[in-house]
Amino acid sequence: MSKITRDALYDCVRGVATCATEKPRKFTETVELQIALKNYDPQKDKRFAGTVRLMHVPKPKMKVCVLGDQVHCDQANANGLPCMDADMLKKLNKDKKLVKKLAKKYDAFLASESLIKQIPRLLGPGLNKAG
């Protein structure tokens, strides 16, 4: 393995970006980057913490809904996130159309630990099938 300079990496990324604009596709194109770390044994060193700040936000309009207890719903409301508690989920009453509509409305769901085991019982298998 050899080290790649930052300039060489940026040149490669610019090349891919220019080719992508020359022949536009009808889907979102992605680039995968694999990094190998020398002298790092994942069996011994379980923790690996680090952050990378991307130049562009991958999903700027990602919608997340919080499925939680009262404490988590209060925190979500304080941060301006949509939320649903167990009572609101019970109102859906395993109605497949309503559950599917809920799944299409949001990109992701965050669930409280206390509520996560109840979700299949409250909503039925519709949320699992929706992805």
N, C-alpha and C. Protein backbone atom coordinates (compact mmCIF):
# COMPACT_ATOMS: atom_id res chain seq x y z
N MET A 1 0.85 -1.19 0.00
CA MET A 1 0.00 0.00 0.00
C MET A 1 0.89 1.24 0.00
N SER A 2 0.44 2.22 -0.70
CA SER A 2 1.17 3.47 -0.73
C SER A 2 0.27 4.59 -0.24
N LYS A 3 0.89 5.65 0.17
CA LYS A 3 0.12 6.79 0.65
C LYS A 3 -0.30 7.63 -0.54
N ILE A 4 -1.50 8.14 -0.48
CA ILE A 4 -2.03 9.00 -1.53
C ILE A 4 -2.10 10.41 -0.99
N THR A 5 -1.59 11.33 -1.75
CA THR A 5 -1.62 12.73 -1.30
C THR A 5 -3.04 13.28 -1.43
N ARG A 6 -3.29 14.32 -0.69
CA ARG A 6 -4.59 14.95 -0.70
C ARG A 6 -4.92 15.50 -2.10
N ASP A 7 -3.89 16.09 -2.75
CA ASP A 7 -4.11 16.65 -4.09
C ASP A 7 -4.51 15.57 -5.09
N ALA A 8 -3.86 14.40 -5.02
CA ALA A 8 -4.18 13.31 -5.93
C ALA A 8 -5.61 12.82 -5.70
N LEU A 9 -6.01 12.74 -4.45
CA LEU A 9 -7.37 12.32 -4.12
C LEU A 9 -8.39 13.31 -4.65
N TYR A 10 -8.13 14.61 -4.44
CA TYR A 10 -9.04 15.64 -4.94
C TYR A 10 -9.13 15.63 -6.46
N ASP A 11 -8.00 15.38 -7.14
CA ASP A 11 -8.01 15.29 -8.61
C ASP A 11 -8.89 14.14 -9.08
N CYS A 12 -8.79 13.01 -8.40
CA CYS A 12 -9.62 11.85 -8.77
C CYS A 12 -11.10 12.14 -8.55
N VAL A 13 -11.42 12.78 -7.45
CA VAL A 13 -12.82 13.09 -7.16
C VAL A 13 -13.35 14.10 -8.17
N ARG A 14 -12.52 15.10 -8.52
CA ARG A 14 -12.94 16.08 -9.53
C ARG A 14 -13.17 15.39 -10.88
N GLY A 15 -12.32 14.42 -11.22
CA GLY A 15 -12.48 13.69 -12.47
C GLY A 15 -13.79 12.92 -12.51
N VAL A 16 -14.13 12.27 -11.41
CA VAL A 16 -15.39 11.54 -11.34
C VAL A 16 -16.56 12.51 -11.44
N ALA A 17 -16.46 13.66 -10.78
CA ALA A 17 -17.55 14.64 -10.80
C ALA A 17 -17.75 15.21 -12.21
N THR A 18 -16.68 15.47 -12.93
CA THR A 18 -16.83 16.01 -14.29
C THR A 18 -17.43 14.96 -15.22
N CYS A 19 -17.04 13.70 -15.07
CA CYS A 19 -17.63 12.65 -15.90
C CYS A 19 -19.12 12.48 -15.59
N ALA A 20 -19.48 12.68 -14.34
CA ALA A 20 -20.88 12.54 -13.94
C ALA A 20 -21.74 13.66 -14.54
N THR A 21 -21.17 14.85 -14.70
CA THR A 21 -21.95 15.95 -15.28
C THR A 21 -22.02 15.84 -16.79
N GLU A 22 -21.03 15.21 -17.42
CA GLU A 22 -21.05 15.06 -18.88
C GLU A 22 -22.18 14.14 -19.33
N LYS A 23 -22.40 13.06 -18.61
CA LYS A 23 -23.45 12.11 -18.96
C LYS A 23 -24.33 11.92 -17.73
N PRO A 24 -25.34 12.78 -17.56
CA PRO A 24 -26.16 12.70 -16.35
C PRO A 24 -27.01 11.43 -16.30
N ARG A 25 -27.14 10.88 -15.10
CA ARG A 25 -27.94 9.69 -14.87
C ARG A 25 -29.25 10.09 -14.21
N LYS A 26 -30.20 9.19 -14.20
CA LYS A 26 -31.50 9.46 -13.59
C LYS A 26 -31.58 8.93 -12.16
N PHE A 27 -30.43 8.70 -11.54
CA PHE A 27 -30.39 8.23 -10.16
C PHE A 27 -29.23 8.91 -9.45
N THR A 28 -29.22 8.83 -8.15
CA THR A 28 -28.16 9.43 -7.36
C THR A 28 -26.91 8.56 -7.43
N GLU A 29 -25.83 9.12 -7.93
CA GLU A 29 -24.59 8.36 -8.05
C GLU A 29 -23.79 8.50 -6.75
N THR A 30 -23.12 7.43 -6.36
CA THR A 30 -22.32 7.45 -5.15
C THR A 30 -20.91 6.97 -5.45
N VAL A 31 -19.99 7.32 -4.57
CA VAL A 31 -18.59 6.89 -4.67
C VAL A 31 -18.24 6.22 -3.36
N GLU A 32 -17.60 5.08 -3.43
CA GLU A 32 -17.21 4.35 -2.23
C GLU A 32 -15.71 4.50 -2.01
N LEU A 33 -15.32 4.77 -0.78
CA LEU A 33 -13.92 4.94 -0.42
C LEU A 33 -13.57 3.94 0.67
N GLN A 34 -12.56 3.13 0.43
CA GLN A 34 -12.12 2.17 1.43
C GLN A 34 -10.75 2.58 1.94
N ILE A 35 -10.59 2.53 3.25
CA ILE A 35 -9.34 2.94 3.89
C ILE A 35 -8.82 1.78 4.72
N ALA A 36 -7.56 1.44 4.54
CA ALA A 36 -6.92 0.40 5.34
C ALA A 36 -6.00 1.07 6.35
N LEU A 37 -6.06 0.63 7.58
CA LEU A 37 -5.25 1.21 8.65
C LEU A 37 -4.11 0.24 8.99
N LYS A 38 -2.89 0.75 9.00
CA LYS A 38 -1.74 -0.08 9.35
C LYS A 38 -1.65 -0.21 10.86
N ASN A 39 -1.15 -1.34 11.30
CA ASN A 39 -0.93 -1.61 12.72
C ASN A 39 -2.19 -1.41 13.56
N TYR A 40 -3.33 -1.80 13.02
CA TYR A 40 -4.58 -1.71 13.75
C TYR A 40 -5.24 -3.08 13.74
N ASP A 41 -5.41 -3.67 14.92
CA ASP A 41 -6.03 -4.97 15.03
C ASP A 41 -7.44 -4.79 15.58
N PRO A 42 -8.47 -5.04 14.78
CA PRO A 42 -9.83 -4.82 15.27
C PRO A 42 -10.23 -5.77 16.39
N GLN A 43 -9.53 -6.90 16.53
CA GLN A 43 -9.85 -7.82 17.61
C GLN A 43 -9.42 -7.24 18.96
N LYS A 44 -8.27 -6.57 18.99
CA LYS A 44 -7.77 -5.99 20.24
C LYS A 44 -8.40 -4.62 20.50
N ASP A 45 -8.34 -3.77 19.50
CA ASP A 45 -8.80 -2.39 19.66
C ASP A 45 -10.24 -2.30 19.18
N LYS A 46 -11.17 -2.46 20.11
CA LYS A 46 -12.58 -2.46 19.73
C LYS A 46 -13.08 -1.05 19.39
N ARG A 47 -12.54 -0.08 20.07
CA ARG A 47 -13.03 1.28 19.86
C ARG A 47 -12.24 1.98 18.78
N PHE A 48 -12.95 2.62 17.91
CA PHE A 48 -12.32 3.45 16.90
C PHE A 48 -13.22 4.65 16.71
N ALA A 49 -12.80 5.76 17.21
CA ALA A 49 -13.63 6.95 17.16
C ALA A 49 -12.98 7.98 16.26
N GLY A 50 -13.78 8.56 15.43
CA GLY A 50 -13.28 9.61 14.56
C GLY A 50 -14.43 10.18 13.77
N THR A 51 -14.29 11.40 13.33
CA THR A 51 -15.32 12.03 12.53
C THR A 51 -14.70 12.61 11.28
N VAL A 52 -15.47 12.62 10.25
CA VAL A 52 -15.06 13.22 8.99
C VAL A 52 -16.14 14.20 8.60
N ARG A 53 -15.76 15.42 8.37
CA ARG A 53 -16.72 16.44 7.98
C ARG A 53 -16.77 16.49 6.45
N LEU A 54 -17.93 16.18 5.91
CA LEU A 54 -18.10 16.18 4.47
C LEU A 54 -18.38 17.58 3.96
N MET A 55 -17.95 17.84 2.73
CA MET A 55 -18.17 19.16 2.15
C MET A 55 -19.65 19.40 1.87
N HIS A 56 -20.36 18.35 1.46
CA HIS A 56 -21.77 18.48 1.12
C HIS A 56 -22.56 17.53 2.02
N VAL A 57 -23.73 17.97 2.45
CA VAL A 57 -24.59 17.15 3.30
C VAL A 57 -25.18 16.05 2.43
N PRO A 58 -25.04 14.75 2.83
CA PRO A 58 -25.54 13.66 2.00
C PRO A 58 -27.06 13.69 1.79
N LYS A 59 -27.82 13.91 2.84
CA LYS A 59 -29.28 13.97 2.72
C LYS A 59 -29.77 15.21 3.45
N PRO A 60 -29.81 16.34 2.76
CA PRO A 60 -30.17 17.57 3.47
C PRO A 60 -31.63 17.62 3.91
N LYS A 61 -32.50 16.90 3.22
CA LYS A 61 -33.92 16.95 3.56
C LYS A 61 -34.41 15.65 4.19
N MET A 62 -33.55 14.99 4.94
CA MET A 62 -33.92 13.72 5.57
C MET A 62 -34.91 13.99 6.70
N LYS A 63 -36.04 13.29 6.67
CA LYS A 63 -37.07 13.47 7.69
C LYS A 63 -37.02 12.31 8.67
N VAL A 64 -36.92 12.63 9.95
CA VAL A 64 -36.83 11.63 11.01
C VAL A 64 -38.00 11.83 11.97
N CYS A 65 -38.60 10.73 12.40
CA CYS A 65 -39.69 10.77 13.37
C CYS A 65 -39.25 10.01 14.62
N VAL A 66 -39.54 10.56 15.77
CA VAL A 66 -39.18 9.93 17.04
C VAL A 66 -40.39 9.17 17.57
N LEU A 67 -40.22 7.88 17.80
CA LEU A 67 -41.25 7.06 18.43
C LEU A 67 -40.78 6.83 19.86
N GLY A 68 -41.41 7.49 20.80
CA GLY A 68 -40.86 7.39 22.14
C GLY A 68 -41.86 7.59 23.25
N ASP A 69 -41.33 7.52 24.46
CA ASP A 69 -42.14 7.79 25.64
C ASP A 69 -42.26 9.31 25.81
N GLN A 70 -42.88 9.73 26.88
CA GLN A 70 -43.18 11.15 27.07
C GLN A 70 -41.91 11.99 27.15
N VAL A 71 -40.87 11.49 27.80
CA VAL A 71 -39.62 12.24 27.96
C VAL A 71 -38.98 12.49 26.60
N HIS A 72 -38.89 11.45 25.78
CA HIS A 72 -38.26 11.60 24.47
C HIS A 72 -39.12 12.45 23.53
N CYS A 73 -40.44 12.36 23.66
CA CYS A 73 -41.31 13.20 22.84
C CYS A 73 -41.16 14.68 23.22
N ASP A 74 -40.99 14.97 24.51
CA ASP A 74 -40.77 16.34 24.94
C ASP A 74 -39.45 16.88 24.38
N GLN A 75 -38.40 16.04 24.39
CA GLN A 75 -37.11 16.45 23.83
C GLN A 75 -37.21 16.67 22.33
N ALA A 76 -37.97 15.82 21.65
CA ALA A 76 -38.14 15.96 20.20
C ALA A 76 -38.89 17.24 19.88
N ASN A 77 -39.94 17.54 20.64
CA ASN A 77 -40.70 18.77 20.42
C ASN A 77 -39.84 20.00 20.68
N ALA A 78 -38.97 19.93 21.68
CA ALA A 78 -38.08 21.05 21.98
C ALA A 78 -37.10 21.29 20.83
N ASN A 79 -36.71 20.22 20.13
CA ASN A 79 -35.77 20.35 19.01
C ASN A 79 -36.47 20.48 17.66
N GLY A 80 -37.79 20.50 17.66
CA GLY A 80 -38.52 20.69 16.42
C GLY A 80 -38.64 19.45 15.56
N LEU A 81 -38.55 18.27 16.16
CA LEU A 81 -38.69 17.01 15.42
C LEU A 81 -40.09 16.45 15.61
N PRO A 82 -40.65 15.83 14.58
CA PRO A 82 -41.95 15.18 14.76
C PRO A 82 -41.81 13.95 15.65
N CYS A 83 -42.83 13.68 16.45
CA CYS A 83 -42.75 12.54 17.36
C CYS A 83 -44.12 11.91 17.52
N MET A 84 -44.10 10.64 17.93
CA MET A 84 -45.33 9.90 18.21
C MET A 84 -45.10 9.06 19.45
N ASP A 85 -46.09 9.04 20.35
CA ASP A 85 -45.98 8.19 21.52
C ASP A 85 -46.84 6.95 21.32
N ALA A 86 -46.91 6.10 22.34
CA ALA A 86 -47.63 4.83 22.22
C ALA A 86 -49.11 5.04 21.93
N ASP A 87 -49.71 6.08 22.51
CA ASP A 87 -51.14 6.33 22.28
C ASP A 87 -51.42 6.68 20.82
N MET A 88 -50.54 7.48 20.23
CA MET A 88 -50.72 7.85 18.82
C MET A 88 -50.52 6.63 17.91
N LEU A 89 -49.60 5.75 18.30
CA LEU A 89 -49.37 4.54 17.51
C LEU A 89 -50.56 3.59 17.62
N LYS A 90 -51.20 3.56 18.80
CA LYS A 90 -52.38 2.70 18.98
C LYS A 90 -53.54 3.17 18.11
N LYS A 91 -53.59 4.47 17.82
CA LYS A 91 -54.67 5.00 16.98
C LYS A 91 -54.58 4.47 15.55
N LEU A 92 -53.37 4.11 15.11
CA LEU A 92 -53.22 3.54 13.77
C LEU A 92 -53.88 2.16 13.69
N ASN A 93 -53.95 1.46 14.82
CA ASN A 93 -54.71 0.22 14.97
C ASN A 93 -54.36 -0.84 13.92
N LYS A 94 -53.08 -0.98 13.62
CA LYS A 94 -52.58 -1.98 12.65
C LYS A 94 -53.20 -1.83 11.27
N ASP A 95 -53.72 -0.64 10.97
CA ASP A 95 -54.29 -0.39 9.64
C ASP A 95 -53.14 -0.30 8.64
N LYS A 96 -53.11 -1.21 7.69
CA LYS A 96 -51.97 -1.31 6.77
C LYS A 96 -51.77 -0.04 5.97
N LYS A 97 -52.84 0.58 5.54
CA LYS A 97 -52.71 1.79 4.73
C LYS A 97 -52.13 2.94 5.54
N LEU A 98 -52.59 3.09 6.77
CA LEU A 98 -52.08 4.17 7.61
C LEU A 98 -50.62 3.94 7.99
N VAL A 99 -50.25 2.69 8.26
CA VAL A 99 -48.86 2.38 8.61
C VAL A 99 -47.95 2.62 7.41
N LYS A 100 -48.41 2.24 6.22
CA LYS A 100 -47.62 2.44 5.01
C LYS A 100 -47.46 3.93 4.72
N LYS A 101 -48.52 4.69 4.96
CA LYS A 101 -48.47 6.14 4.76
C LYS A 101 -47.47 6.78 5.73
N LEU A 102 -47.46 6.30 6.98
CA LEU A 102 -46.51 6.78 7.97
C LEU A 102 -45.09 6.45 7.55
N ALA A 103 -44.85 5.25 7.04
CA ALA A 103 -43.51 4.83 6.64
C ALA A 103 -43.01 5.64 5.45
N LYS A 104 -43.90 6.00 4.52
CA LYS A 104 -43.49 6.79 3.37
C LYS A 104 -43.24 8.25 3.72
N LYS A 105 -43.86 8.71 4.79
CA LYS A 105 -43.75 10.12 5.17
C LYS A 105 -42.36 10.45 5.71
N TYR A 106 -41.69 9.49 6.35
CA TYR A 106 -40.40 9.74 6.98
C TYR A 106 -39.32 8.83 6.39
N ASP A 107 -38.07 9.33 6.41
CA ASP A 107 -36.94 8.54 5.93
C ASP A 107 -36.43 7.58 6.98
N ALA A 108 -36.54 7.97 8.26
CA ALA A 108 -36.02 7.13 9.34
C ALA A 108 -36.85 7.34 10.60
N PHE A 109 -36.77 6.36 11.49
CA PHE A 109 -37.46 6.43 12.78
C PHE A 109 -36.45 6.19 13.89
N LEU A 110 -36.58 6.94 14.97
CA LEU A 110 -35.80 6.71 16.18
C LEU A 110 -36.78 6.29 17.27
N ALA A 111 -36.49 5.18 17.95
CA ALA A 111 -37.43 4.66 18.95
C ALA A 111 -36.78 4.60 20.33
N SER A 112 -37.58 4.88 21.34
CA SER A 112 -37.11 4.74 22.72
C SER A 112 -36.93 3.28 23.05
N GLU A 113 -36.04 3.02 23.98
CA GLU A 113 -35.79 1.63 24.38
C GLU A 113 -37.03 0.99 24.98
N SER A 114 -37.82 1.78 25.69
CA SER A 114 -39.02 1.23 26.32
C SER A 114 -40.11 0.92 25.29
N LEU A 115 -40.12 1.61 24.16
CA LEU A 115 -41.18 1.46 23.19
C LEU A 115 -40.81 0.55 22.02
N ILE A 116 -39.54 0.30 21.84
CA ILE A 116 -39.10 -0.42 20.63
C ILE A 116 -39.64 -1.85 20.57
N LYS A 117 -39.83 -2.48 21.72
CA LYS A 117 -40.35 -3.85 21.73
C LYS A 117 -41.86 -3.88 21.47
N GLN A 118 -42.54 -2.77 21.71
CA GLN A 118 -43.99 -2.71 21.51
C GLN A 118 -44.38 -2.35 20.08
N ILE A 119 -43.46 -1.82 19.29
CA ILE A 119 -43.78 -1.33 17.95
C ILE A 119 -44.36 -2.42 17.05
N PRO A 120 -43.79 -3.64 16.98
CA PRO A 120 -44.42 -4.66 16.14
C PRO A 120 -45.85 -5.01 16.58
N ARG A 121 -46.09 -4.96 17.90
CA ARG A 121 -47.44 -5.25 18.40
C ARG A 121 -48.41 -4.13 18.07
N LEU A 122 -47.93 -2.88 18.13
CA LEU A 122 -48.81 -1.74 17.90
C LEU A 122 -49.09 -1.51 16.41
N LEU A 123 -48.08 -1.67 15.58
CA LEU A 123 -48.21 -1.34 14.16
C LEU A 123 -48.37 -2.55 13.26
N GLY A 124 -48.03 -3.73 13.74
CA GLY A 124 -48.07 -4.90 12.88
C GLY A 124 -46.81 -4.96 12.02
N PRO A 125 -46.78 -5.88 11.06
CA PRO A 125 -45.58 -6.07 10.25
C PRO A 125 -45.41 -5.03 9.14
N GLY A 126 -46.34 -4.10 9.01
CA GLY A 126 -46.29 -3.14 7.90
C GLY A 126 -45.07 -2.26 7.90
N LEU A 127 -44.59 -1.86 9.09
CA LEU A 127 -43.42 -1.00 9.16
C LEU A 127 -42.15 -1.76 8.76
N ASN A 128 -42.09 -3.05 9.07
CA ASN A 128 -40.93 -3.84 8.67
C ASN A 128 -40.89 -4.01 7.16
N LYS A 129 -42.05 -4.24 6.54
CA LYS A 129 -42.10 -4.43 5.08
C LYS A 129 -41.78 -3.15 4.33
N ALA A 130 -42.08 -2.00 4.95
CA ALA A 130 -41.85 -0.73 4.27
C ALA A 130 -40.36 -0.42 4.18
N GLY A 131 -39.55 -1.09 4.98
CA GLY A 131 -38.12 -0.86 4.89
C GLY A 131 -37.67 -0.08 6.05
